[in-house]
Each structure stands twice: as structure tokens, then as C-alpha cells.
């Protein structure tokens, strides 16, 4: 796989996430915003997995940073969505932690894959998830870290199929399309500036935009 346009994919992931959260918190009747938002999670999975695989010298430090920000963002996430389910950064961080632990060891890789599949099955049986996108999301992150892109596309599509309805089917297809978009982004001519690579900008944006949107939603409702 040629190097994708990581910077452009990051910006697209951030923008579609913002659109999705505006839809959830401020305009829940606008289905189009939710459909646009289906691109965000797959693009984050692909960009983080690709960077972990090809451009990360200290993988455990990478995982720790994600989990630190996940902890910081959790109060804003809980406030915004009125839930104590763990936010998406926990899904990304825990998935990459499992991949880091298993890297280079065939039996550990098999164990991680089997464990992710088991968590997914248990969540399906009990009808709930602990993290955003649940075991399927964790499984997708692990597969992205090991470069299994077709499987990533299948899993992110599955993560969006909460019900077999036309709307959720479209969401699943858009999620899979995002993985294909990541793969062909090598041909995107647009190259954002180096400011996009400032990791702290990205880490601050997640809790910051959640808190801001939650405050606006509370003001509107109040």
C-alpha cells in the first residue's frame, strides 16, 4: 500500500466527526448529518493504525497519550451524550494497546483476534457495549494496526449495522467507503500544511468540542 494522504484524511475525519456530533446534540432530526458522520470513525481507525504500523518509534508512548486524553475527555463525553460508556479514544487506545502487546508474536496476535471476536459476541448477546463501537470497533483498530484493510472495511460497516433498516444499511456502506477512501487518498492532490501534524491540537480538539457542543445544547434546551 502506497502512503495515503494522512494529513487530508485526518482533517476529513475531524470535520465529519464535528458534523456528526452537531447532528446528535443540536439537530437530531437531520439524518444527513449522521450519515456524513459515518466517515469519521473509519478514517480515525485507518490513520491511527497506519501511523502505528509505519511511523511510530515508541508504540507504547503512542498508546499512553491516547489513553491519557481519553481519560481527560470522558467527563465532557459523558455530559454531552448523557452516558458513562467509554468514549471513542478508549476504543482506539485499547485497540492499539492490544496490537502493541501482540506485535511480532503469532500466538498473541491470534489471541487478540480471538479475544476481540469474543467480546463482540458477548456484547451482541447482552445487547450493550462498554466502549464506543464496542468489541467490533476494537477489532477494527487491531486489524488496521496489522494492515488488514479489507477486514477493517467489513468491521466498521458491521459496527454501524445496529438494526437492519435502510438508514443503518446506508451508514454501514458509508463506513466501508471511508476505508476505501483512505486507501485511494494517495492520489488526493490537496496537501494540508504541517500544522495538521501538531498532535496536541488534535488531542485538545476532542474534549474541547464536546464540552462546547454540550454547553450549547444545554443552553438551547434550558
Foldseek 3Di string as FASTA:
>chain_A
DPQFLLLVLQVLLVVLCLLCLCCVQPNVVPLVSVLSNLLNLLSVLQSVLVCLQPPDPDLVVVLVVLVVLQVVLQVLVCLLVVDNAGEVSCLLSVLSVQLVVCPPPVVSLVVSLVVLVVFVVVCVVVVHARHQLHSLSSNLSNCSNVPVLVSNLQSSLVSQCPDPDPSSNSSSVSNSVSSVCRVPNNPVPDRDDPVSVPVVVVSVVNSVSSNVSSVVSVVVVD
